[in-house]
Amino acid sequence: MQEIQTFSIPISWPNSAVSLAWGPPPISSTGLMEWQRSLARLSLKTGANTLGYHLPLNQKGVPEVLDYKKIEGMPELNCSLAHSSGPGKSRSLAVGASLLSTNFMGPGVGIYVEWSQRNMRSDAYRRFRHEGDHSSWGQTDNLLWTWMAKEAGFKAASNTCGSEVTLIKQIRLLHPFKIEGTAEVYDSKNQLLGDLTYRLMQINCAEHALNMALAKLFRLAGR
């Protein structure tokens, strides 16, 4: 029997909500990626309830998300979605996550999830390193978090700055490694576009540790 579980995760960012949905894919399903995406959209309903919003739903019973950042019919809200298969790429479980925020809290938000058991090779850092990153982010034990922080930051920045942000290495983590702080986003010519705030957290999901990175763009350069 299929069982889908959803819950909201308390965070201290005002007018924002983070939610998860997870469960086994339908036995008849061949589109596992679409199932993961459906779970992410489903989690938006839980987050919206936390913020006191009632989202319009499509025929599949989930909100319609436009360009991965806006909910159809709700222009006052920004969102970001993330999803994954089960731990170790298991196909027997999928998880979807969402970060929902009002426009008042900033023009762009981003979320990224990954199971904590995933290993990152030390040479992977060169693919997403910014030359201005603090050296602590390049340490082997921090690489998974570094990658995730930059992915979430990239989503938040690209949702606002569009084609000016095309690579996650355009996110600069300038302070020593910590689970909550600020970062900078640059364009392809290394010109500052704005500032991000991020948060890294780990939660229990289906009896496994799930890492989560959240980010939002709170200030554009020159504004």
N, C-alpha and C. Protein backbone atom coordinates (compact mmCIF):
# COMPACT_ATOMS: atom_id res chain seq x y z
N MET A 1 0.84 -1.21 0.00
CA MET A 1 0.00 0.00 0.00
C MET A 1 0.87 1.25 0.00
N GLN A 2 0.54 2.18 -0.87
CA GLN A 2 1.33 3.41 -0.98
C GLN A 2 0.96 4.39 0.13
N GLU A 3 1.98 4.97 0.74
CA GLU A 3 1.74 5.95 1.78
C GLU A 3 2.64 7.16 1.55
N ILE A 4 2.04 8.33 1.45
CA ILE A 4 2.79 9.57 1.27
C ILE A 4 2.73 10.35 2.57
N GLN A 5 3.87 10.76 3.07
CA GLN A 5 3.93 11.53 4.30
C GLN A 5 4.43 12.94 3.99
N THR A 6 3.86 13.92 4.64
CA THR A 6 4.31 15.30 4.46
C THR A 6 4.42 15.98 5.82
N PHE A 7 5.35 16.91 5.93
CA PHE A 7 5.43 17.73 7.13
C PHE A 7 6.21 18.99 6.84
N SER A 8 5.97 20.01 7.64
CA SER A 8 6.70 21.27 7.54
C SER A 8 7.84 21.30 8.54
N ILE A 9 8.90 21.98 8.18
CA ILE A 9 10.10 22.07 9.01
C ILE A 9 10.19 23.48 9.57
N PRO A 10 10.16 23.64 10.89
CA PRO A 10 10.23 25.00 11.46
C PRO A 10 11.57 25.67 11.14
N ILE A 11 11.53 26.88 10.65
CA ILE A 11 12.73 27.70 10.46
C ILE A 11 12.41 29.10 10.97
N SER A 12 13.45 29.87 11.22
CA SER A 12 13.24 31.19 11.82
C SER A 12 13.17 32.30 10.77
N TRP A 13 13.13 31.95 9.48
CA TRP A 13 12.98 32.98 8.45
C TRP A 13 11.51 33.41 8.42
N PRO A 14 11.22 34.68 8.65
CA PRO A 14 9.82 35.14 8.65
C PRO A 14 9.16 34.93 7.28
N ASN A 15 7.88 34.63 7.31
CA ASN A 15 7.08 34.49 6.09
C ASN A 15 7.66 33.49 5.10
N SER A 16 8.27 32.43 5.64
CA SER A 16 8.83 31.37 4.81
C SER A 16 8.45 30.02 5.40
N ALA A 17 8.36 29.00 4.56
CA ALA A 17 8.02 27.66 5.02
C ALA A 17 8.79 26.63 4.20
N VAL A 18 9.33 25.63 4.88
CA VAL A 18 10.01 24.51 4.24
C VAL A 18 9.22 23.24 4.54
N SER A 19 8.94 22.46 3.50
CA SER A 19 8.14 21.26 3.68
C SER A 19 8.73 20.10 2.89
N LEU A 20 8.44 18.88 3.38
CA LEU A 20 8.88 17.65 2.74
C LEU A 20 7.69 16.75 2.47
N ALA A 21 7.78 15.98 1.41
CA ALA A 21 6.84 14.89 1.12
C ALA A 21 7.65 13.71 0.63
N TRP A 22 7.34 12.53 1.12
CA TRP A 22 8.07 11.35 0.64
C TRP A 22 7.17 10.13 0.66
N GLY A 23 7.54 9.15 -0.16
CA GLY A 23 6.80 7.91 -0.22
C GLY A 23 7.27 7.07 -1.38
N PRO A 24 6.86 5.80 -1.43
CA PRO A 24 7.26 4.92 -2.54
C PRO A 24 6.50 5.29 -3.80
N PRO A 25 7.13 5.14 -4.96
CA PRO A 25 6.42 5.44 -6.20
C PRO A 25 5.33 4.41 -6.46
N PRO A 26 4.29 4.79 -7.21
CA PRO A 26 3.25 3.82 -7.56
C PRO A 26 3.85 2.64 -8.31
N ILE A 27 3.33 1.46 -8.06
CA ILE A 27 3.86 0.25 -8.69
C ILE A 27 3.80 0.36 -10.20
N SER A 28 2.77 1.01 -10.71
CA SER A 28 2.59 1.09 -12.16
C SER A 28 3.37 2.24 -12.80
N SER A 29 4.04 3.04 -11.96
CA SER A 29 4.69 4.24 -12.48
C SER A 29 6.00 3.92 -13.21
N THR A 30 6.17 4.49 -14.39
CA THR A 30 7.44 4.38 -15.11
C THR A 30 8.18 5.71 -15.11
N GLY A 31 7.49 6.79 -14.77
CA GLY A 31 8.12 8.11 -14.74
C GLY A 31 8.55 8.47 -13.34
N LEU A 32 9.65 7.90 -12.88
CA LEU A 32 10.10 8.11 -11.51
C LEU A 32 10.49 9.56 -11.25
N MET A 33 11.06 10.21 -12.24
CA MET A 33 11.43 11.61 -12.07
C MET A 33 10.19 12.48 -11.89
N GLU A 34 9.16 12.20 -12.66
CA GLU A 34 7.93 12.97 -12.53
C GLU A 34 7.27 12.71 -11.18
N TRP A 35 7.40 11.50 -10.65
CA TRP A 35 6.87 11.20 -9.33
C TRP A 35 7.59 12.05 -8.27
N GLN A 36 8.92 12.17 -8.38
CA GLN A 36 9.69 13.00 -7.45
C GLN A 36 9.21 14.45 -7.54
N ARG A 37 9.01 14.94 -8.74
CA ARG A 37 8.56 16.32 -8.92
C ARG A 37 7.16 16.52 -8.34
N SER A 38 6.32 15.51 -8.49
CA SER A 38 4.97 15.60 -7.93
C SER A 38 5.02 15.71 -6.41
N LEU A 39 5.93 14.95 -5.79
CA LEU A 39 6.08 15.03 -4.34
C LEU A 39 6.53 16.43 -3.91
N ALA A 40 7.45 17.02 -4.67
CA ALA A 40 7.91 18.38 -4.35
C ALA A 40 6.76 19.36 -4.44
N ARG A 41 5.93 19.25 -5.49
CA ARG A 41 4.78 20.16 -5.62
C ARG A 41 3.75 19.88 -4.53
N LEU A 42 3.60 18.61 -4.18
CA LEU A 42 2.67 18.27 -3.10
C LEU A 42 3.09 18.90 -1.78
N SER A 43 4.39 18.94 -1.53
CA SER A 43 4.88 19.52 -0.27
C SER A 43 4.55 21.00 -0.17
N LEU A 44 4.35 21.67 -1.31
CA LEU A 44 3.99 23.09 -1.29
C LEU A 44 2.68 23.33 -0.57
N LYS A 45 1.76 22.38 -0.68
CA LYS A 45 0.45 22.56 -0.02
C LYS A 45 0.63 22.66 1.49
N THR A 46 1.50 21.80 2.03
CA THR A 46 1.74 21.82 3.47
C THR A 46 2.39 23.13 3.89
N GLY A 47 3.37 23.58 3.11
CA GLY A 47 4.02 24.85 3.42
C GLY A 47 3.07 26.03 3.34
N ALA A 48 2.19 26.01 2.34
CA ALA A 48 1.23 27.10 2.19
C ALA A 48 0.27 27.15 3.38
N ASN A 49 -0.15 25.99 3.85
CA ASN A 49 -1.03 25.96 5.03
C ASN A 49 -0.35 26.59 6.23
N THR A 50 0.96 26.35 6.36
CA THR A 50 1.72 26.94 7.46
C THR A 50 1.69 28.46 7.40
N LEU A 51 1.73 29.00 6.19
CA LEU A 51 1.75 30.45 6.01
C LEU A 51 0.33 31.04 5.91
N GLY A 52 -0.68 30.19 5.95
CA GLY A 52 -2.05 30.68 5.90
C GLY A 52 -2.57 30.92 4.49
N TYR A 53 -1.98 30.23 3.49
CA TYR A 53 -2.43 30.38 2.11
C TYR A 53 -3.10 29.09 1.65
N HIS A 54 -4.08 29.24 0.76
CA HIS A 54 -4.74 28.10 0.13
C HIS A 54 -4.37 28.14 -1.35
N LEU A 55 -3.60 27.17 -1.80
CA LEU A 55 -3.10 27.18 -3.17
C LEU A 55 -4.09 26.55 -4.14
N PRO A 56 -4.25 27.12 -5.33
CA PRO A 56 -5.07 26.47 -6.36
C PRO A 56 -4.36 25.20 -6.83
N LEU A 57 -5.12 24.14 -7.08
CA LEU A 57 -4.55 22.85 -7.46
C LEU A 57 -5.00 22.48 -8.88
N ASN A 58 -4.15 21.72 -9.58
CA ASN A 58 -4.51 21.24 -10.90
C ASN A 58 -5.28 19.92 -10.79
N GLN A 59 -5.53 19.27 -11.90
CA GLN A 59 -6.32 18.05 -11.90
C GLN A 59 -5.64 16.90 -11.15
N LYS A 60 -4.32 17.00 -10.98
CA LYS A 60 -3.59 15.97 -10.26
C LYS A 60 -3.54 16.24 -8.77
N GLY A 61 -4.15 17.33 -8.34
CA GLY A 61 -4.21 17.64 -6.93
C GLY A 61 -2.98 18.31 -6.37
N VAL A 62 -2.16 18.91 -7.24
CA VAL A 62 -0.96 19.61 -6.79
C VAL A 62 -0.93 21.01 -7.40
N PRO A 63 -0.21 21.96 -6.78
CA PRO A 63 -0.12 23.32 -7.36
C PRO A 63 0.64 23.30 -8.69
N GLU A 64 0.26 24.19 -9.57
CA GLU A 64 0.97 24.33 -10.84
C GLU A 64 2.10 25.34 -10.64
N VAL A 65 3.35 24.90 -10.88
CA VAL A 65 4.51 25.74 -10.66
C VAL A 65 5.06 26.21 -12.00
N LEU A 66 5.26 27.51 -12.12
CA LEU A 66 5.73 28.12 -13.36
C LEU A 66 7.23 28.39 -13.29
N ASP A 67 7.98 27.80 -14.20
CA ASP A 67 9.42 28.04 -14.29
C ASP A 67 10.13 27.74 -12.96
N TYR A 68 9.62 26.79 -12.20
CA TYR A 68 10.22 26.33 -10.95
C TYR A 68 10.34 27.42 -9.87
N LYS A 69 9.63 28.53 -10.01
CA LYS A 69 9.80 29.60 -9.03
C LYS A 69 8.51 30.33 -8.66
N LYS A 70 7.45 30.17 -9.44
CA LYS A 70 6.19 30.86 -9.18
C LYS A 70 5.03 29.87 -9.20
N ILE A 71 4.04 30.11 -8.34
CA ILE A 71 2.85 29.28 -8.30
C ILE A 71 1.76 29.97 -9.10
N GLU A 72 1.19 29.25 -10.04
CA GLU A 72 0.16 29.84 -10.89
C GLU A 72 -1.00 30.36 -10.04
N GLY A 73 -1.37 31.61 -10.27
CA GLY A 73 -2.46 32.22 -9.55
C GLY A 73 -2.09 32.82 -8.21
N MET A 74 -0.79 32.73 -7.82
CA MET A 74 -0.35 33.27 -6.53
C MET A 74 0.90 34.12 -6.74
N PRO A 75 0.79 35.29 -7.38
CA PRO A 75 1.96 36.11 -7.68
C PRO A 75 2.67 36.65 -6.45
N GLU A 76 2.01 36.64 -5.30
CA GLU A 76 2.63 37.16 -4.08
C GLU A 76 3.60 36.18 -3.43
N LEU A 77 3.73 34.98 -4.00
CA LEU A 77 4.58 33.95 -3.42
C LEU A 77 5.72 33.57 -4.36
N ASN A 78 6.89 33.30 -3.79
CA ASN A 78 8.03 32.72 -4.51
C ASN A 78 8.24 31.31 -3.98
N CYS A 79 8.74 30.42 -4.83
CA CYS A 79 9.00 29.07 -4.36
C CYS A 79 10.20 28.48 -5.07
N SER A 80 10.74 27.42 -4.47
CA SER A 80 11.79 26.63 -5.08
C SER A 80 11.53 25.18 -4.71
N LEU A 81 11.81 24.27 -5.63
CA LEU A 81 11.55 22.84 -5.44
C LEU A 81 12.84 22.04 -5.54
N ALA A 82 12.88 20.92 -4.84
CA ALA A 82 14.00 19.98 -4.92
C ALA A 82 13.45 18.58 -4.74
N HIS A 83 14.16 17.60 -5.25
CA HIS A 83 13.69 16.22 -5.12
C HIS A 83 14.86 15.26 -5.29
N SER A 84 14.64 14.02 -4.87
CA SER A 84 15.68 13.00 -4.97
C SER A 84 15.03 11.62 -4.91
N SER A 85 15.74 10.65 -5.45
CA SER A 85 15.35 9.26 -5.24
C SER A 85 15.76 8.88 -3.82
N GLY A 86 15.62 7.62 -3.46
CA GLY A 86 15.94 7.20 -2.11
C GLY A 86 17.43 7.15 -1.84
N PRO A 87 17.83 6.89 -0.60
CA PRO A 87 19.26 6.80 -0.25
C PRO A 87 19.97 5.78 -1.13
N GLY A 88 21.18 6.14 -1.57
CA GLY A 88 21.92 5.24 -2.45
C GLY A 88 21.25 5.06 -3.79
N LYS A 89 20.47 6.05 -4.24
CA LYS A 89 19.74 6.03 -5.51
C LYS A 89 18.69 4.93 -5.55
N SER A 90 18.18 4.56 -4.38
CA SER A 90 17.12 3.55 -4.31
C SER A 90 15.89 4.02 -5.08
N ARG A 91 15.29 3.12 -5.83
CA ARG A 91 14.09 3.44 -6.61
C ARG A 91 12.82 3.08 -5.84
N SER A 92 12.97 2.64 -4.59
CA SER A 92 11.80 2.25 -3.81
C SER A 92 11.27 3.41 -2.95
N LEU A 93 11.93 4.54 -3.02
CA LEU A 93 11.53 5.70 -2.23
C LEU A 93 11.89 6.96 -3.00
N ALA A 94 11.10 7.99 -2.83
CA ALA A 94 11.40 9.30 -3.41
C ALA A 94 11.04 10.36 -2.40
N VAL A 95 11.71 11.50 -2.50
CA VAL A 95 11.45 12.62 -1.60
C VAL A 95 11.37 13.90 -2.41
N GLY A 96 10.43 14.76 -2.04
CA GLY A 96 10.30 16.08 -2.64
C GLY A 96 10.29 17.13 -1.56
N ALA A 97 10.87 18.28 -1.84
CA ALA A 97 10.96 19.35 -0.85
C ALA A 97 10.64 20.69 -1.50
N SER A 98 10.21 21.64 -0.69
CA SER A 98 9.90 22.97 -1.21
C SER A 98 10.23 24.03 -0.19
N LEU A 99 10.63 25.18 -0.69
CA LEU A 99 10.80 26.40 0.10
C LEU A 99 9.83 27.42 -0.47
N LEU A 100 8.97 27.91 0.37
CA LEU A 100 7.94 28.86 -0.03
C LEU A 100 8.14 30.15 0.74
N SER A 101 8.04 31.29 0.06
CA SER A 101 8.29 32.57 0.71
C SER A 101 7.44 33.65 0.07
N THR A 102 7.05 34.64 0.85
CA THR A 102 6.35 35.78 0.29
C THR A 102 7.33 36.70 -0.42
N ASN A 103 6.84 37.49 -1.35
CA ASN A 103 7.70 38.44 -2.06
C ASN A 103 8.39 39.40 -1.11
N PHE A 104 7.76 39.68 0.02
CA PHE A 104 8.31 40.61 1.00
C PHE A 104 9.68 40.15 1.49
N MET A 105 9.92 38.82 1.52
CA MET A 105 11.16 38.29 2.07
C MET A 105 12.28 38.25 1.05
N GLY A 106 12.06 38.69 -0.17
CA GLY A 106 13.13 38.72 -1.15
C GLY A 106 12.66 38.19 -2.49
N PRO A 107 13.38 38.54 -3.54
CA PRO A 107 12.92 38.21 -4.89
C PRO A 107 13.22 36.78 -5.34
N GLY A 108 14.07 36.05 -4.64
CA GLY A 108 14.41 34.71 -5.09
C GLY A 108 14.75 33.79 -3.93
N VAL A 109 14.30 32.53 -4.01
CA VAL A 109 14.62 31.54 -2.98
C VAL A 109 15.12 30.27 -3.66
N GLY A 110 15.87 29.46 -2.91
CA GLY A 110 16.38 28.21 -3.46
C GLY A 110 16.48 27.14 -2.40
N ILE A 111 16.26 25.89 -2.80
CA ILE A 111 16.37 24.75 -1.89
C ILE A 111 17.04 23.59 -2.63
N TYR A 112 17.83 22.83 -1.89
CA TYR A 112 18.50 21.67 -2.47
C TYR A 112 18.57 20.58 -1.40
N VAL A 113 18.35 19.32 -1.78
CA VAL A 113 18.40 18.21 -0.83
C VAL A 113 19.31 17.11 -1.36
N GLU A 114 19.93 16.40 -0.44
CA GLU A 114 20.79 15.27 -0.79
C GLU A 114 20.95 14.40 0.45
N TRP A 115 20.96 13.10 0.29
CA TRP A 115 21.16 12.19 1.41
C TRP A 115 22.57 12.35 1.96
N SER A 116 22.70 12.35 3.27
CA SER A 116 23.98 12.65 3.91
C SER A 116 25.04 11.61 3.61
N GLN A 117 24.63 10.40 3.23
CA GLN A 117 25.60 9.33 2.97
C GLN A 117 26.36 9.53 1.66
N ARG A 118 25.93 10.47 0.84
CA ARG A 118 26.63 10.68 -0.43
C ARG A 118 28.04 11.19 -0.20
N ASN A 119 29.00 10.59 -0.88
CA ASN A 119 30.40 11.00 -0.77
C ASN A 119 30.77 11.91 -1.93
N MET A 120 31.59 12.91 -1.64
CA MET A 120 32.08 13.82 -2.67
C MET A 120 33.57 13.63 -2.83
N ARG A 121 34.04 13.42 -4.04
CA ARG A 121 35.48 13.30 -4.30
C ARG A 121 36.14 14.65 -4.10
N SER A 122 37.36 14.62 -3.57
CA SER A 122 38.05 15.87 -3.26
C SER A 122 38.31 16.71 -4.50
N ASP A 123 38.47 16.06 -5.67
CA ASP A 123 38.75 16.83 -6.88
C ASP A 123 37.48 17.44 -7.49
N ALA A 124 36.31 17.14 -6.92
CA ALA A 124 35.07 17.69 -7.45
C ALA A 124 34.97 19.19 -7.19
N TYR A 125 35.64 19.66 -6.17
CA TYR A 125 35.52 21.06 -5.78
C TYR A 125 35.94 22.03 -6.88
N ARG A 126 36.87 21.61 -7.72
CA ARG A 126 37.34 22.50 -8.77
C ARG A 126 36.20 22.89 -9.74
N ARG A 127 35.16 22.06 -9.80
CA ARG A 127 34.06 22.33 -10.72
C ARG A 127 33.11 23.41 -10.20
N PHE A 128 33.11 23.65 -8.89
CA PHE A 128 32.20 24.68 -8.37
C PHE A 128 32.89 25.66 -7.42
N ARG A 129 34.19 25.69 -7.46
CA ARG A 129 34.96 26.61 -6.60
C ARG A 129 34.95 28.03 -7.16
N HIS A 130 34.71 29.00 -6.30
CA HIS A 130 34.93 30.41 -6.62
C HIS A 130 36.28 30.78 -6.02
N GLU A 131 37.06 31.55 -6.75
CA GLU A 131 38.41 31.88 -6.28
C GLU A 131 38.40 32.64 -4.97
N GLY A 132 37.25 33.24 -4.62
CA GLY A 132 37.16 33.98 -3.37
C GLY A 132 36.57 33.18 -2.21
N ASP A 133 36.28 31.89 -2.42
CA ASP A 133 35.75 31.06 -1.33
C ASP A 133 36.75 30.99 -0.18
N HIS A 134 36.24 30.98 1.05
CA HIS A 134 37.11 30.73 2.19
C HIS A 134 37.61 29.30 2.10
N SER A 135 38.85 29.07 2.47
CA SER A 135 39.48 27.76 2.29
C SER A 135 38.77 26.63 3.04
N SER A 136 38.06 26.96 4.12
CA SER A 136 37.40 25.91 4.90
C SER A 136 36.31 25.20 4.11
N TRP A 137 35.73 25.87 3.12
CA TRP A 137 34.68 25.24 2.32
C TRP A 137 35.24 24.18 1.38
N GLY A 138 36.53 24.23 1.11
CA GLY A 138 37.14 23.26 0.22
C GLY A 138 37.65 22.01 0.92
N GLN A 139 37.50 21.93 2.24
CA GLN A 139 37.94 20.76 2.96
C GLN A 139 37.02 19.58 2.67
N THR A 140 37.61 18.39 2.59
CA THR A 140 36.87 17.20 2.16
C THR A 140 35.60 16.98 2.96
N ASP A 141 35.64 17.15 4.27
CA ASP A 141 34.48 16.89 5.11
C ASP A 141 33.33 17.87 4.86
N ASN A 142 33.65 18.99 4.24
CA ASN A 142 32.63 20.02 4.00
C ASN A 142 32.12 20.05 2.57
N LEU A 143 32.67 19.23 1.69
CA LEU A 143 32.39 19.39 0.26
C LEU A 143 30.93 19.17 -0.10
N LEU A 144 30.27 18.20 0.53
CA LEU A 144 28.86 17.98 0.21
C LEU A 144 28.04 19.21 0.57
N TRP A 145 28.30 19.78 1.76
CA TRP A 145 27.61 20.99 2.17
C TRP A 145 27.94 22.16 1.26
N THR A 146 29.21 22.26 0.83
CA THR A 146 29.62 23.35 -0.05
C THR A 146 28.85 23.30 -1.36
N TRP A 147 28.81 22.12 -1.94
CA TRP A 147 28.09 21.92 -3.20
C TRP A 147 26.61 22.27 -3.03
N MET A 148 26.01 21.81 -1.92
CA MET A 148 24.59 22.05 -1.70
C MET A 148 24.30 23.53 -1.45
N ALA A 149 25.15 24.19 -0.68
CA ALA A 149 24.95 25.63 -0.43
C ALA A 149 24.99 26.41 -1.74
N LYS A 150 25.89 26.02 -2.62
CA LYS A 150 26.01 26.73 -3.89
C LYS A 150 24.84 26.41 -4.82
N GLU A 151 24.36 25.17 -4.79
CA GLU A 151 23.19 24.83 -5.61
C GLU A 151 21.96 25.62 -5.16
N ALA A 152 21.75 25.68 -3.85
CA ALA A 152 20.60 26.44 -3.34
C ALA A 152 20.76 27.93 -3.65
N GLY A 153 21.98 28.45 -3.47
CA GLY A 153 22.25 29.84 -3.78
C GLY A 153 22.07 30.15 -5.25
N PHE A 154 22.50 29.21 -6.10
CA PHE A 154 22.34 29.37 -7.55
C PHE A 154 20.87 29.47 -7.92
N LYS A 155 20.03 28.63 -7.32
CA LYS A 155 18.60 28.68 -7.60
C LYS A 155 18.02 30.03 -7.19
N ALA A 156 18.36 30.48 -5.99
CA ALA A 156 17.82 31.75 -5.51
C ALA A 156 18.26 32.91 -6.40
N ALA A 157 19.53 32.89 -6.82
CA ALA A 157 20.05 33.99 -7.63
C ALA A 157 19.54 33.94 -9.06
N SER A 158 19.52 32.76 -9.67
CA SER A 158 19.09 32.67 -11.07
C SER A 158 17.60 32.95 -11.22
N ASN A 159 16.81 32.70 -10.16
CA ASN A 159 15.39 33.02 -10.21
C ASN A 159 15.16 34.52 -10.34
N THR A 160 16.14 35.31 -9.91
CA THR A 160 16.01 36.77 -9.97
C THR A 160 16.87 37.37 -11.09
N CYS A 161 18.09 36.89 -11.22
CA CYS A 161 19.05 37.51 -12.15
C CYS A 161 19.07 36.83 -13.52
N GLY A 162 18.33 35.76 -13.68
CA GLY A 162 18.22 35.10 -14.98
C GLY A 162 19.54 34.62 -15.54
N SER A 163 19.79 34.94 -16.80
CA SER A 163 20.96 34.40 -17.51
C SER A 163 22.28 34.99 -17.02
N GLU A 164 22.23 35.97 -16.12
CA GLU A 164 23.47 36.49 -15.57
C GLU A 164 24.14 35.48 -14.63
N VAL A 165 23.38 34.50 -14.16
CA VAL A 165 23.92 33.46 -13.29
C VAL A 165 23.69 32.11 -13.97
N THR A 166 24.77 31.50 -14.44
CA THR A 166 24.66 30.26 -15.19
C THR A 166 25.43 29.10 -14.57
N LEU A 167 26.31 29.38 -13.60
CA LEU A 167 27.14 28.35 -12.99
C LEU A 167 27.12 28.49 -11.48
N ILE A 168 27.16 27.35 -10.77
CA ILE A 168 27.14 27.45 -9.31
C ILE A 168 28.44 28.01 -8.75
N LYS A 169 29.51 28.01 -9.55
CA LYS A 169 30.76 28.61 -9.08
C LYS A 169 30.68 30.13 -9.00
N GLN A 170 29.58 30.71 -9.47
CA GLN A 170 29.39 32.16 -9.33
C GLN A 170 28.91 32.54 -7.94
N ILE A 171 28.69 31.55 -7.09
CA ILE A 171 28.34 31.80 -5.69
C ILE A 171 29.62 31.76 -4.87
N ARG A 172 29.88 32.83 -4.13
CA ARG A 172 31.10 32.93 -3.34
C ARG A 172 30.78 32.79 -1.85
N LEU A 173 31.40 31.81 -1.22
CA LEU A 173 31.25 31.58 0.23
C LEU A 173 32.48 32.18 0.90
N LEU A 174 32.37 33.43 1.29
CA LEU A 174 33.56 34.18 1.70
C LEU A 174 33.90 34.03 3.18
N HIS A 175 32.95 33.55 4.00
CA HIS A 175 33.21 33.40 5.43
C HIS A 175 33.62 31.96 5.75
N PRO A 176 34.25 31.72 6.89
CA PRO A 176 34.57 30.34 7.29
C PRO A 176 33.32 29.48 7.33
N PHE A 177 33.48 28.19 7.10
CA PHE A 177 32.35 27.26 7.05
C PHE A 177 31.50 27.34 8.32
N LYS A 178 30.21 27.51 8.13
CA LYS A 178 29.24 27.46 9.23
C LYS A 178 27.89 27.14 8.62
N ILE A 179 26.95 26.71 9.48
CA ILE A 179 25.70 26.20 8.94
C ILE A 179 24.71 27.30 8.56
N GLU A 180 24.99 28.53 8.97
CA GLU A 180 24.10 29.63 8.61
C GLU A 180 24.92 30.88 8.41
N GLY A 181 24.71 31.57 7.31
CA GLY A 181 25.51 32.76 7.05
C GLY A 181 25.10 33.44 5.75
N THR A 182 26.02 34.20 5.19
CA THR A 182 25.76 34.94 3.96
C THR A 182 26.75 34.54 2.88
N ALA A 183 26.38 34.81 1.65
CA ALA A 183 27.23 34.53 0.50
C ALA A 183 27.02 35.64 -0.52
N GLU A 184 27.85 35.66 -1.54
CA GLU A 184 27.73 36.64 -2.61
C GLU A 184 27.53 35.94 -3.94
N VAL A 185 26.81 36.60 -4.83
CA VAL A 185 26.60 36.05 -6.16
C VAL A 185 27.17 37.02 -7.19
N TYR A 186 27.87 36.46 -8.17
CA TYR A 186 28.56 37.26 -9.20
C TYR A 186 28.07 36.87 -10.59
N ASP A 187 28.24 37.78 -11.54
CA ASP A 187 27.94 37.44 -12.93
C ASP A 187 29.16 36.78 -13.57
N SER A 188 29.06 36.44 -14.85
CA SER A 188 30.14 35.72 -15.52
C SER A 188 31.41 36.55 -15.66
N LYS A 189 31.31 37.88 -15.48
CA LYS A 189 32.48 38.76 -15.53
C LYS A 189 33.01 39.08 -14.14
N ASN A 190 32.53 38.34 -13.16
CA ASN A 190 32.95 38.47 -11.77
C ASN A 190 32.58 39.82 -11.17
N GLN A 191 31.45 40.36 -11.62
CA GLN A 191 30.90 41.58 -11.04
C GLN A 191 29.81 41.19 -10.03
N LEU A 192 29.84 41.82 -8.86
CA LEU A 192 28.89 41.48 -7.81
C LEU A 192 27.46 41.81 -8.24
N LEU A 193 26.57 40.80 -8.10
CA LEU A 193 25.16 40.99 -8.41
C LEU A 193 24.32 41.22 -7.16
N GLY A 194 24.70 40.56 -6.07
CA GLY A 194 23.90 40.71 -4.85
C GLY A 194 24.38 39.78 -3.75
N ASP A 195 23.63 39.80 -2.66
CA ASP A 195 23.98 39.01 -1.47
C ASP A 195 22.89 37.98 -1.17
N LEU A 196 23.34 36.84 -0.69
CA LEU A 196 22.45 35.75 -0.32
C LEU A 196 22.57 35.47 1.17
N THR A 197 21.52 34.90 1.73
CA THR A 197 21.63 34.30 3.06
C THR A 197 21.30 32.82 2.89
N TYR A 198 21.98 31.97 3.62
CA TYR A 198 21.80 30.53 3.45
C TYR A 198 21.67 29.86 4.81
N ARG A 199 21.12 28.66 4.79
CA ARG A 199 21.03 27.83 5.99
C ARG A 199 21.21 26.37 5.59
N LEU A 200 22.03 25.64 6.34
CA LEU A 200 22.26 24.22 6.13
C LEU A 200 21.66 23.45 7.30
N MET A 201 20.93 22.39 7.02
CA MET A 201 20.31 21.63 8.09
C MET A 201 20.21 20.15 7.72
N GLN A 202 20.10 19.31 8.72
CA GLN A 202 19.95 17.88 8.51
C GLN A 202 18.73 17.40 9.29
N ILE A 203 17.89 16.62 8.63
CA ILE A 203 16.68 16.12 9.27
C ILE A 203 16.55 14.63 9.03
N ASN A 204 15.68 13.99 9.82
CA ASN A 204 15.40 12.57 9.64
C ASN A 204 14.24 12.41 8.68
N CYS A 205 14.47 11.67 7.62
CA CYS A 205 13.44 11.42 6.62
C CYS A 205 13.43 9.94 6.29
N ALA A 206 12.34 9.27 6.57
CA ALA A 206 12.21 7.84 6.30
C ALA A 206 13.35 7.06 6.96
N GLU A 207 13.71 7.51 8.18
CA GLU A 207 14.74 6.86 8.99
C GLU A 207 16.13 6.97 8.37
N HIS A 208 16.35 7.98 7.56
CA HIS A 208 17.66 8.27 6.99
C HIS A 208 17.94 9.76 7.16
N ALA A 209 19.22 10.11 7.22
CA ALA A 209 19.61 11.51 7.38
C ALA A 209 19.59 12.20 6.01
N LEU A 210 18.80 13.25 5.93
CA LEU A 210 18.68 14.03 4.70
C LEU A 210 19.26 15.41 4.93
N ASN A 211 20.23 15.79 4.09
CA ASN A 211 20.80 17.13 4.16
C ASN A 211 19.95 18.09 3.32
N MET A 212 19.83 19.31 3.81
CA MET A 212 19.03 20.31 3.13
C MET A 212 19.74 21.66 3.17
N ALA A 213 19.79 22.33 2.03
CA ALA A 213 20.37 23.67 1.95
C ALA A 213 19.29 24.63 1.48
N LEU A 214 19.17 25.76 2.17
CA LEU A 214 18.19 26.79 1.83
C LEU A 214 18.92 28.09 1.54
N ALA A 215 18.40 28.87 0.63
CA ALA A 215 19.02 30.16 0.32
C ALA A 215 17.96 31.14 -0.16
N LYS A 216 18.22 32.42 0.08
CA LYS A 216 17.37 33.45 -0.49
C LYS A 216 18.22 34.68 -0.80
N LEU A 217 17.85 35.32 -1.86
CA LEU A 217 18.53 36.56 -2.26
C LEU A 217 17.88 37.70 -1.51
N PHE A 218 18.65 38.38 -0.68
CA PHE A 218 18.04 39.45 0.11
C PHE A 218 18.47 40.85 -0.30
N ARG A 219 19.48 40.95 -1.15
CA ARG A 219 19.90 42.30 -1.56
C ARG A 219 20.60 42.22 -2.92
N LEU A 220 20.17 43.07 -3.85
CA LEU A 220 20.84 43.19 -5.13
C LEU A 220 21.82 44.34 -5.08
N ALA A 221 22.96 44.19 -5.73
CA ALA A 221 23.99 45.22 -5.71
C ALA A 221 23.44 46.54 -6.27
N GLY A 222 23.78 47.64 -5.59
CA GLY A 222 23.34 48.95 -6.05
C GLY A 222 21.94 49.33 -5.63
N ARG A 223 21.29 48.47 -4.78
CA ARG A 223 19.93 48.79 -4.36
C ARG A 223 19.86 48.97 -2.86
